Amino acid sequence: MWYLSNGINKPFFAELLKAFARETGAGRERIIILALDNAGWHGPQNLPVPEGVRLVYQPSYSPELQPAEHLWPLVDEPLVNRYFDTIDDLDAVVAQRCCVLHQDQKTIASSTNFHWWPKPRKPI
């Protein structure tokens, strides 16, 4: 699941969590654990968390523990050594790259599936 935004704050993140819960089927019968870093806009204070979603916060300054951090080099690939006239031009290239990566699960997995990361289980 990818969301591309030109800004973020706690209310926006709360809405993303609701969408995440809906799309993953989180609820009383299905608990989803979401690992987050300690960015201020998704800290626990005053953040409504939907039923079925549990937030686990990584230690500060530990990007190696967050697989999503390893996506940046993949996203940045078409940006290297390029100049963009406008932020909209840059935004369009990043959005296109995210669409390409979304279709290339093998590349994403090769950068984010660490041996210690829990593997998904099929529901019984």
Protein backbone atom coordinates (compact mmCIF):
# COMPACT_ATOMS: atom_id res chain seq x y z
CA MET A 1 0.00 0.00 0.00
CA TRP A 2 1.52 3.33 -1.09
CA TYR A 3 0.44 6.84 -0.24
CA LEU A 4 2.17 9.83 -1.76
CA SER A 5 1.64 13.20 -0.13
CA ASN A 6 3.22 16.63 -0.23
CA GLY A 7 2.66 17.09 3.49
CA ILE A 8 1.93 15.16 6.66
CA ASN A 9 0.56 15.88 10.10
CA LYS A 10 -1.13 13.93 12.85
CA PRO A 11 -4.75 14.33 11.62
CA PHE A 12 -3.71 13.26 8.11
CA PHE A 13 -1.82 10.27 9.53
CA ALA A 14 -4.88 9.31 11.61
CA GLU A 15 -6.91 9.19 8.37
CA LEU A 16 -4.19 7.05 6.76
CA LEU A 17 -4.41 4.64 9.70
CA LYS A 18 -8.17 4.35 9.19
CA ALA A 19 -7.64 3.59 5.49
CA PHE A 20 -4.90 1.09 6.37
CA ALA A 21 -7.23 -0.66 8.82
CA ARG A 22 -9.99 -0.89 6.21
CA GLU A 23 -7.69 -2.14 3.44
CA THR A 24 -6.01 -4.77 5.62
CA GLY A 25 -9.20 -5.97 7.30
CA ALA A 26 -7.96 -4.99 10.75
CA GLY A 27 -10.50 -5.37 13.52
CA ARG A 28 -11.51 -7.45 16.50
CA GLU A 29 -10.86 -10.71 14.61
CA ARG A 30 -7.69 -9.59 12.79
CA ILE A 31 -4.95 -7.70 14.61
CA ILE A 32 -2.36 -5.92 12.45
CA ILE A 33 0.91 -4.76 13.99
CA LEU A 34 2.38 -1.71 12.30
CA ALA A 35 6.03 -0.83 12.99
CA LEU A 36 6.78 2.90 12.97
CA ASP A 37 9.76 5.12 13.59
CA ASN A 38 9.48 7.94 16.10
CA ALA A 39 8.51 10.79 13.77
CA GLY A 40 6.45 13.33 15.72
CA TRP A 41 3.41 13.15 13.48
CA HIS A 42 2.79 9.48 14.27
CA GLY A 43 3.72 9.45 17.92
CA PRO A 44 1.17 7.95 20.29
CA GLN A 45 0.04 11.15 22.01
CA ASN A 46 -3.43 12.19 20.75
CA LEU A 47 -3.31 9.74 17.85
CA PRO A 48 -6.53 7.76 17.41
CA VAL A 49 -5.66 4.18 16.45
CA PRO A 50 -8.34 2.08 14.74
CA GLU A 51 -9.53 -1.16 16.28
CA GLY A 52 -7.32 -4.05 15.23
CA VAL A 53 -4.22 -1.93 14.64
CA ARG A 54 -1.36 -2.04 17.13
CA LEU A 55 1.51 0.41 16.76
CA VAL A 56 5.04 -0.67 17.68
CA TYR A 57 7.63 2.10 17.75
CA GLN A 58 11.22 1.44 16.73
CA PRO A 59 14.04 2.83 18.87
CA SER A 60 15.16 6.32 17.90
CA TYR A 61 17.94 6.58 15.32
CA SER A 62 17.59 3.00 14.07
CA PRO A 63 16.68 3.15 10.37
CA GLU A 64 18.17 -0.32 9.88
CA LEU A 65 15.21 -1.70 11.86
CA GLN A 66 12.61 -0.15 9.57
CA PRO A 67 12.42 -1.90 6.19
CA ALA A 68 10.64 1.09 4.62
CA GLU A 69 13.83 3.11 5.08
CA HIS A 70 15.46 0.82 2.52
CA LEU A 71 12.94 1.89 -0.12
CA TRP A 72 14.42 5.39 -0.42
CA PRO A 73 17.31 4.35 -2.69
CA LEU A 74 14.78 2.62 -4.98
CA VAL A 75 12.52 5.68 -5.05
CA ASP A 76 15.46 8.05 -5.54
CA GLU A 77 16.90 6.11 -8.47
CA PRO A 78 15.27 8.22 -11.25
CA LEU A 79 16.15 11.45 -9.40
CA VAL A 80 19.90 11.02 -9.25
CA ASN A 81 21.86 13.73 -11.09
CA ARG A 82 18.70 15.33 -12.47
CA TYR A 83 17.44 18.87 -12.24
CA PHE A 84 13.71 19.61 -12.05
CA ASP A 85 12.32 23.00 -13.03
CA THR A 86 9.41 22.76 -10.60
CA ILE A 87 8.34 20.78 -7.58
CA ASP A 88 5.47 19.47 -9.69
CA ASP A 89 7.98 17.99 -12.15
CA LEU A 90 9.80 16.30 -9.29
CA ASP A 91 6.52 15.10 -7.81
CA ALA A 92 5.48 13.55 -11.13
CA VAL A 93 8.73 11.57 -11.41
CA VAL A 94 8.48 10.31 -7.82
CA ALA A 95 4.83 9.33 -8.32
CA GLN A 96 5.69 7.44 -11.51
CA ARG A 97 8.55 5.65 -9.76
CA CYS A 98 6.22 4.60 -6.92
CA CYS A 99 3.79 3.17 -9.50
CA VAL A 100 6.61 1.21 -11.14
CA LEU A 101 7.83 -0.13 -7.80
CA HIS A 102 4.31 -1.10 -6.79
CA GLN A 103 4.25 -3.43 -9.81
CA ASP A 104 7.73 -4.83 -9.00
CA GLN A 105 7.24 -6.67 -5.73
CA LYS A 106 10.40 -8.73 -6.26
CA THR A 107 12.61 -5.61 -6.20
CA ILE A 108 10.85 -4.29 -3.11
CA ALA A 109 11.18 -7.66 -1.36
CA SER A 110 14.89 -7.90 -2.16
CA SER A 111 15.43 -4.61 -0.32
CA THR A 112 13.07 -5.06 2.61
CA ASN A 113 12.60 -8.75 3.47
CA PHE A 114 15.15 -9.13 6.23
CA HIS A 115 15.80 -12.57 7.73
CA TRP A 116 14.61 -11.33 11.14
CA TRP A 117 11.41 -9.62 9.89
CA PRO A 118 8.26 -11.63 10.69
CA LYS A 119 6.81 -13.45 7.69
CA PRO A 120 3.07 -13.11 6.99
CA ARG A 121 0.88 -15.97 8.10
CA LYS A 122 -2.14 -17.19 6.27
CA PRO A 123 -5.31 -17.05 8.37
CA ILE A 124 -6.56 -20.44 9.54
